[in-house]
């Protein structure tokens, strides 16, 4: 039953109720988890090397996601904490260290690694 002022079931302020929690196991989670133990594919001049701080850094370009949203995990690169900070322009000293050639190379390397690990499957069954 919709009560007066309920705005079509969205609550008194027009807001939807609490969203159901997503399960912890998302279909994209394997792409993020695959970054553990990887080396940085971005390799900017600020790169710290090693594998300890590498995460999947999402690429936020070309309207791939809105404000406060992350793009698909397919649009991410393996990046150490320093390269991730530079990519996200978190501090002025590293903000201009990369160009789109760096990002394209890193995305290609990341996608090829993800495919080799079986996290991305291209094509369907052969006929």
N, C-alpha and C. Protein backbone atom coordinates (compact mmCIF):
# COMPACT_ATOMS: atom_id res chain seq x y z
N UNK A 1 0.84 -1.18 0.00
CA UNK A 1 0.00 0.00 0.00
C UNK A 1 0.89 1.24 0.00
N UNK A 2 0.58 2.19 -0.85
CA UNK A 2 1.33 3.44 -0.92
C UNK A 2 0.58 4.48 -0.11
N UNK A 3 1.27 5.08 0.83
CA UNK A 3 0.67 6.11 1.69
C UNK A 3 0.86 7.47 1.06
N UNK A 4 -0.02 8.43 1.40
CA UNK A 4 0.15 9.79 0.88
C UNK A 4 1.55 10.32 1.23
N UNK A 5 2.17 10.98 0.32
CA UNK A 5 3.50 11.53 0.55
C UNK A 5 4.60 10.50 0.38
N UNK A 6 4.22 9.28 0.00
CA UNK A 6 5.20 8.21 -0.14
C UNK A 6 5.91 8.25 -1.48
N UNK A 7 5.46 9.03 -2.41
CA UNK A 7 6.08 9.20 -3.72
C UNK A 7 6.34 7.87 -4.40
N UNK A 8 5.28 7.13 -4.63
CA UNK A 8 5.33 5.86 -5.35
C UNK A 8 6.23 4.83 -4.69
N UNK A 9 6.15 4.75 -3.37
CA UNK A 9 6.88 3.70 -2.68
C UNK A 9 8.33 4.01 -2.42
N UNK A 10 8.74 5.27 -2.60
CA UNK A 10 10.14 5.61 -2.43
C UNK A 10 10.44 6.28 -1.10
N UNK A 11 9.48 6.33 -0.20
CA UNK A 11 9.72 6.94 1.10
C UNK A 11 9.34 8.41 1.09
N UNK A 12 9.27 9.03 2.28
CA UNK A 12 8.78 10.38 2.38
C UNK A 12 9.65 11.42 1.68
N UNK A 13 10.91 11.16 1.47
CA UNK A 13 11.78 12.12 0.79
C UNK A 13 12.06 11.74 -0.66
N UNK A 14 11.36 10.74 -1.16
CA UNK A 14 11.58 10.30 -2.52
C UNK A 14 12.80 9.41 -2.68
N UNK A 15 13.35 8.96 -1.55
CA UNK A 15 14.53 8.10 -1.59
C UNK A 15 14.13 6.65 -1.51
N UNK A 16 14.82 5.83 -2.21
CA UNK A 16 14.56 4.40 -2.13
C UNK A 16 15.04 3.89 -0.79
N UNK A 17 14.49 2.79 -0.38
CA UNK A 17 14.92 2.17 0.87
C UNK A 17 16.31 1.59 0.74
N UNK A 18 16.80 1.00 1.80
CA UNK A 18 18.14 0.41 1.79
C UNK A 18 18.23 -0.64 0.69
N UNK A 19 19.30 -0.56 -0.05
CA UNK A 19 19.51 -1.53 -1.11
C UNK A 19 19.92 -2.86 -0.51
N UNK A 20 19.50 -3.96 -1.12
CA UNK A 20 19.95 -5.26 -0.62
C UNK A 20 21.46 -5.37 -0.78
N UNK A 21 22.09 -5.97 0.17
CA UNK A 21 23.54 -6.12 0.12
C UNK A 21 23.93 -7.06 -0.99
N UNK A 22 24.96 -6.67 -1.71
CA UNK A 22 25.50 -7.57 -2.73
C UNK A 22 26.22 -8.70 -2.03
N UNK A 23 26.24 -9.82 -2.69
CA UNK A 23 27.00 -10.90 -2.10
C UNK A 23 28.48 -10.53 -2.19
N UNK A 24 29.25 -11.01 -1.26
CA UNK A 24 30.68 -10.70 -1.24
C UNK A 24 31.37 -11.26 -2.47
N UNK A 25 30.77 -12.21 -3.11
CA UNK A 25 31.37 -12.85 -4.27
C UNK A 25 30.76 -12.30 -5.55
N UNK A 26 31.33 -11.25 -6.05
CA UNK A 26 30.88 -10.63 -7.29
C UNK A 26 31.51 -11.36 -8.46
N UNK A 27 30.87 -11.27 -9.62
CA UNK A 27 31.42 -11.94 -10.79
C UNK A 27 32.73 -11.29 -11.24
N UNK A 28 32.96 -10.04 -10.86
CA UNK A 28 34.19 -9.35 -11.24
C UNK A 28 35.28 -9.49 -10.19
N UNK A 29 34.97 -9.99 -9.02
CA UNK A 29 35.96 -10.09 -7.95
C UNK A 29 37.23 -10.82 -8.36
N UNK A 30 37.17 -11.88 -9.16
CA UNK A 30 38.42 -12.55 -9.54
C UNK A 30 39.40 -11.64 -10.26
N UNK A 31 38.92 -10.67 -11.01
CA UNK A 31 39.82 -9.76 -11.71
C UNK A 31 40.57 -8.88 -10.72
N UNK A 32 39.89 -8.46 -9.65
CA UNK A 32 40.56 -7.66 -8.62
C UNK A 32 41.51 -8.53 -7.80
N UNK A 33 41.07 -9.71 -7.44
CA UNK A 33 41.89 -10.59 -6.61
C UNK A 33 43.14 -11.06 -7.34
N UNK A 34 43.08 -11.10 -8.66
CA UNK A 34 44.23 -11.56 -9.45
C UNK A 34 45.42 -10.62 -9.34
N UNK A 35 45.22 -9.41 -8.86
CA UNK A 35 46.32 -8.45 -8.73
C UNK A 35 47.31 -8.86 -7.64
N UNK A 36 46.84 -9.65 -6.68
CA UNK A 36 47.74 -10.07 -5.59
C UNK A 36 48.88 -10.90 -6.16
N UNK A 37 50.09 -10.50 -5.80
CA UNK A 37 51.27 -11.24 -6.26
C UNK A 37 51.77 -10.84 -7.63
N UNK A 38 51.07 -9.92 -8.30
CA UNK A 38 51.49 -9.47 -9.63
C UNK A 38 52.48 -8.32 -9.51
N UNK A 39 53.21 -8.07 -10.57
CA UNK A 39 54.06 -6.88 -10.64
C UNK A 39 53.25 -5.77 -11.30
N UNK A 40 53.66 -4.56 -11.09
CA UNK A 40 53.00 -3.38 -11.63
C UNK A 40 53.13 -3.36 -13.16
N UNK A 41 52.01 -3.18 -13.86
CA UNK A 41 52.07 -3.06 -15.31
C UNK A 41 52.17 -1.61 -15.75
N UNK A 42 51.90 -0.68 -14.86
CA UNK A 42 51.95 0.74 -15.21
C UNK A 42 53.40 1.24 -15.29
N UNK A 43 54.23 0.84 -14.34
CA UNK A 43 55.67 1.12 -14.33
C UNK A 43 56.04 2.57 -14.67
N UNK A 44 55.45 3.50 -13.96
CA UNK A 44 55.78 4.92 -14.13
C UNK A 44 57.11 5.20 -13.43
N UNK A 45 57.71 6.37 -13.64
CA UNK A 45 58.98 6.68 -12.99
C UNK A 45 58.93 6.58 -11.46
N UNK A 46 57.75 6.72 -10.86
CA UNK A 46 57.61 6.64 -9.40
C UNK A 46 57.42 5.21 -8.90
N UNK A 47 57.40 4.22 -9.79
CA UNK A 47 57.09 2.83 -9.44
C UNK A 47 58.00 2.31 -8.34
N UNK A 48 57.40 1.63 -7.36
CA UNK A 48 58.19 1.08 -6.25
C UNK A 48 58.62 -0.36 -6.51
N UNK A 49 58.11 -0.96 -7.59
CA UNK A 49 58.47 -2.34 -7.89
C UNK A 49 57.88 -3.30 -6.88
N UNK A 50 58.27 -4.54 -6.96
CA UNK A 50 57.76 -5.55 -6.03
C UNK A 50 56.31 -5.89 -6.32
N UNK A 51 55.75 -6.71 -5.44
CA UNK A 51 54.38 -7.16 -5.62
C UNK A 51 53.50 -6.87 -4.41
N UNK A 52 54.09 -6.36 -3.34
CA UNK A 52 53.37 -6.22 -2.07
C UNK A 52 52.20 -5.24 -2.12
N UNK A 53 52.31 -4.16 -2.89
CA UNK A 53 51.27 -3.13 -2.87
C UNK A 53 50.44 -3.09 -4.15
N UNK A 54 50.58 -4.08 -5.01
CA UNK A 54 49.89 -4.05 -6.30
C UNK A 54 48.41 -4.38 -6.13
N UNK A 55 47.57 -3.52 -6.73
CA UNK A 55 46.12 -3.71 -6.75
C UNK A 55 45.63 -3.46 -8.17
N UNK A 56 44.36 -3.75 -8.41
CA UNK A 56 43.75 -3.42 -9.69
C UNK A 56 43.29 -1.97 -9.62
N UNK A 57 43.95 -1.09 -10.37
CA UNK A 57 43.62 0.34 -10.39
C UNK A 57 42.67 0.60 -11.56
N UNK A 58 41.47 1.08 -11.24
CA UNK A 58 40.46 1.32 -12.27
C UNK A 58 40.77 2.58 -13.07
N UNK A 59 40.50 2.51 -14.36
CA UNK A 59 40.72 3.64 -15.27
C UNK A 59 39.43 4.44 -15.38
N UNK A 60 39.48 5.67 -14.95
CA UNK A 60 38.29 6.53 -14.90
C UNK A 60 38.35 7.57 -16.02
N UNK A 61 38.15 7.13 -17.24
CA UNK A 61 38.21 8.02 -18.39
C UNK A 61 36.97 7.84 -19.25
N UNK A 62 36.73 8.80 -20.14
CA UNK A 62 35.75 8.70 -21.21
C UNK A 62 34.33 8.37 -20.75
N UNK A 63 33.98 8.74 -19.52
CA UNK A 63 32.62 8.49 -19.04
C UNK A 63 32.34 7.03 -18.73
N UNK A 64 33.39 6.24 -18.48
CA UNK A 64 33.20 4.82 -18.18
C UNK A 64 32.52 4.60 -16.84
N UNK A 65 32.50 5.63 -15.99
CA UNK A 65 31.80 5.54 -14.71
C UNK A 65 31.43 6.95 -14.27
N UNK A 66 30.40 7.03 -13.46
CA UNK A 66 29.97 8.33 -12.95
C UNK A 66 30.71 8.69 -11.68
N UNK A 67 30.32 9.79 -11.09
CA UNK A 67 30.92 10.24 -9.84
C UNK A 67 30.65 9.19 -8.77
N UNK A 68 31.67 8.87 -7.99
CA UNK A 68 31.59 7.88 -6.90
C UNK A 68 31.28 6.48 -7.41
N UNK A 69 31.57 6.20 -8.66
CA UNK A 69 31.39 4.86 -9.22
C UNK A 69 32.72 4.37 -9.77
N UNK A 70 32.89 3.06 -9.74
CA UNK A 70 34.07 2.47 -10.37
C UNK A 70 33.67 1.87 -11.70
N UNK A 71 34.54 2.01 -12.69
CA UNK A 71 34.27 1.35 -13.97
C UNK A 71 34.36 -0.17 -13.81
N UNK A 72 34.03 -0.87 -14.85
CA UNK A 72 34.15 -2.33 -14.86
C UNK A 72 35.59 -2.73 -14.53
N UNK A 73 35.75 -3.88 -13.89
CA UNK A 73 37.08 -4.38 -13.58
C UNK A 73 37.87 -4.73 -14.83
N UNK A 74 37.21 -4.85 -15.98
CA UNK A 74 37.95 -5.05 -17.23
C UNK A 74 38.75 -3.81 -17.58
N UNK A 75 38.36 -2.67 -17.03
CA UNK A 75 39.04 -1.40 -17.30
C UNK A 75 39.95 -1.04 -16.13
N UNK A 76 40.86 -1.94 -15.81
CA UNK A 76 41.78 -1.71 -14.71
C UNK A 76 43.15 -2.26 -15.05
N UNK A 77 44.17 -1.70 -14.39
CA UNK A 77 45.55 -2.14 -14.60
C UNK A 77 46.15 -2.55 -13.26
N UNK A 78 47.13 -3.44 -13.29
CA UNK A 78 47.85 -3.80 -12.08
C UNK A 78 48.80 -2.64 -11.76
N UNK A 79 48.64 -2.03 -10.60
CA UNK A 79 49.46 -0.87 -10.25
C UNK A 79 49.91 -0.94 -8.80
N UNK A 80 51.18 -0.61 -8.56
CA UNK A 80 51.69 -0.49 -7.19
C UNK A 80 51.08 0.77 -6.58
N UNK A 81 51.25 0.95 -5.28
CA UNK A 81 50.59 2.09 -4.63
C UNK A 81 51.07 3.43 -5.19
N UNK A 82 52.33 3.56 -5.55
CA UNK A 82 52.84 4.83 -6.08
C UNK A 82 52.27 5.12 -7.47
N UNK A 83 52.24 4.11 -8.33
CA UNK A 83 51.68 4.31 -9.67
C UNK A 83 50.18 4.55 -9.60
N UNK A 84 49.49 3.87 -8.69
CA UNK A 84 48.05 4.07 -8.50
C UNK A 84 47.77 5.51 -8.07
N UNK A 85 48.58 6.02 -7.12
CA UNK A 85 48.43 7.42 -6.68
C UNK A 85 48.66 8.38 -7.84
N UNK A 86 49.67 8.11 -8.67
CA UNK A 86 49.95 8.97 -9.82
C UNK A 86 48.80 8.91 -10.83
N UNK A 87 48.28 7.73 -11.10
CA UNK A 87 47.18 7.56 -12.04
C UNK A 87 45.95 8.33 -11.58
N UNK A 88 45.66 8.26 -10.29
CA UNK A 88 44.50 8.95 -9.73
C UNK A 88 44.80 10.41 -9.39
N UNK A 89 46.01 10.86 -9.67
CA UNK A 89 46.44 12.25 -9.43
C UNK A 89 46.21 12.65 -7.97
N UNK A 90 46.66 11.79 -7.05
CA UNK A 90 46.44 12.04 -5.62
C UNK A 90 47.42 13.04 -5.03
N UNK A 91 48.56 13.25 -5.66
CA UNK A 91 49.45 14.29 -5.16
C UNK A 91 50.13 15.00 -6.33
N UNK A 92 50.49 16.24 -6.09
CA UNK A 92 50.99 17.10 -7.17
C UNK A 92 52.32 16.64 -7.76
N UNK A 93 53.14 15.96 -6.97
CA UNK A 93 54.47 15.57 -7.47
C UNK A 93 54.41 14.45 -8.49
N UNK A 94 53.38 13.63 -8.46
CA UNK A 94 53.30 12.51 -9.40
C UNK A 94 52.17 12.64 -10.40
N UNK A 95 51.39 13.71 -10.33
CA UNK A 95 50.19 13.84 -11.15
C UNK A 95 50.47 13.85 -12.65
N UNK A 96 51.59 14.37 -13.10
CA UNK A 96 51.85 14.46 -14.53
C UNK A 96 52.84 13.43 -15.05
N UNK A 97 53.01 12.34 -14.32
CA UNK A 97 54.02 11.36 -14.70
C UNK A 97 53.59 10.38 -15.79
N UNK A 98 52.35 10.38 -16.17
CA UNK A 98 51.91 9.38 -17.13
C UNK A 98 51.24 10.02 -18.34
N UNK A 99 51.26 9.26 -19.43
CA UNK A 99 50.55 9.62 -20.64
C UNK A 99 49.64 8.46 -21.02
N UNK A 100 48.79 8.67 -22.00
CA UNK A 100 47.86 7.61 -22.39
C UNK A 100 48.59 6.41 -22.99
N UNK A 101 49.80 6.60 -23.52
CA UNK A 101 50.58 5.46 -24.02
C UNK A 101 50.92 4.51 -22.86
N UNK A 102 51.26 5.09 -21.69
CA UNK A 102 51.56 4.28 -20.51
C UNK A 102 50.33 3.48 -20.08
N UNK A 103 49.19 4.15 -20.08
CA UNK A 103 47.95 3.51 -19.64
C UNK A 103 47.54 2.41 -20.63
N UNK A 104 47.65 2.69 -21.93
CA UNK A 104 47.28 1.69 -22.94
C UNK A 104 48.19 0.47 -22.86
N UNK A 105 49.50 0.69 -22.69
CA UNK A 105 50.43 -0.44 -22.55
C UNK A 105 50.08 -1.27 -21.32
N UNK A 106 49.83 -0.59 -20.20
CA UNK A 106 49.51 -1.28 -18.95
C UNK A 106 48.20 -2.04 -19.06
N UNK A 107 47.19 -1.45 -19.72
CA UNK A 107 45.91 -2.14 -19.88
C UNK A 107 46.08 -3.39 -20.73
N UNK A 108 46.84 -3.27 -21.83
CA UNK A 108 47.09 -4.44 -22.67
C UNK A 108 47.80 -5.54 -21.91
N UNK A 109 48.85 -5.19 -21.16
CA UNK A 109 49.58 -6.20 -20.40
C UNK A 109 48.70 -6.84 -19.32
N UNK A 110 47.89 -6.01 -18.67
CA UNK A 110 47.00 -6.54 -17.62
C UNK A 110 45.98 -7.50 -18.22
N UNK A 111 45.36 -7.11 -19.33
CA UNK A 111 44.36 -7.98 -19.96
C UNK A 111 44.98 -9.30 -20.41
N UNK A 112 46.18 -9.24 -20.98
CA UNK A 112 46.84 -10.47 -21.43
C UNK A 112 47.18 -11.37 -20.24
N UNK A 113 47.61 -10.79 -19.12
CA UNK A 113 47.88 -11.59 -17.92
C UNK A 113 46.60 -12.21 -17.38
N UNK A 114 45.53 -11.41 -17.35
CA UNK A 114 44.25 -11.92 -16.84
C UNK A 114 43.76 -13.08 -17.72
N UNK A 115 43.92 -12.95 -19.03
CA UNK A 115 43.52 -14.01 -19.95
C UNK A 115 44.37 -15.26 -19.73
N UNK A 116 45.68 -15.08 -19.56
CA UNK A 116 46.58 -16.22 -19.34
C UNK A 116 46.25 -16.95 -18.03
N UNK A 117 45.76 -16.21 -17.04
CA UNK A 117 45.39 -16.82 -15.76
C UNK A 117 44.01 -17.47 -15.80
N UNK A 118 43.29 -17.29 -16.92
CA UNK A 118 41.96 -17.87 -17.04
C UNK A 118 40.86 -17.00 -16.43
N UNK A 119 41.18 -15.77 -16.06
CA UNK A 119 40.17 -14.88 -15.48
C UNK A 119 39.31 -14.22 -16.55
N UNK A 120 39.81 -14.16 -17.77
CA UNK A 120 39.06 -13.62 -18.91
C UNK A 120 39.06 -14.69 -19.98
N UNK A 121 37.88 -15.05 -20.45
CA UNK A 121 37.76 -16.04 -21.51
C UNK A 121 37.17 -15.34 -22.72
N UNK A 122 37.84 -15.47 -23.85
CA UNK A 122 37.43 -14.82 -25.08
C UNK A 122 36.82 -15.87 -26.01
N UNK A 123 35.67 -15.54 -26.56
CA UNK A 123 35.03 -16.46 -27.50
C UNK A 123 34.21 -17.53 -26.80
N UNK A 124 33.50 -18.26 -27.60
CA UNK A 124 32.66 -19.33 -27.08
C UNK A 124 33.17 -20.67 -27.58
N UNK A 125 32.36 -21.67 -27.44
CA UNK A 125 32.79 -23.00 -27.93
C UNK A 125 32.94 -22.99 -29.45
N UNK A 126 33.93 -23.71 -29.92
CA UNK A 126 34.15 -23.81 -31.37
C UNK A 126 33.10 -24.70 -31.97
N UNK A 127 32.70 -24.36 -33.18
CA UNK A 127 31.66 -25.15 -33.85
C UNK A 127 32.27 -26.02 -34.89
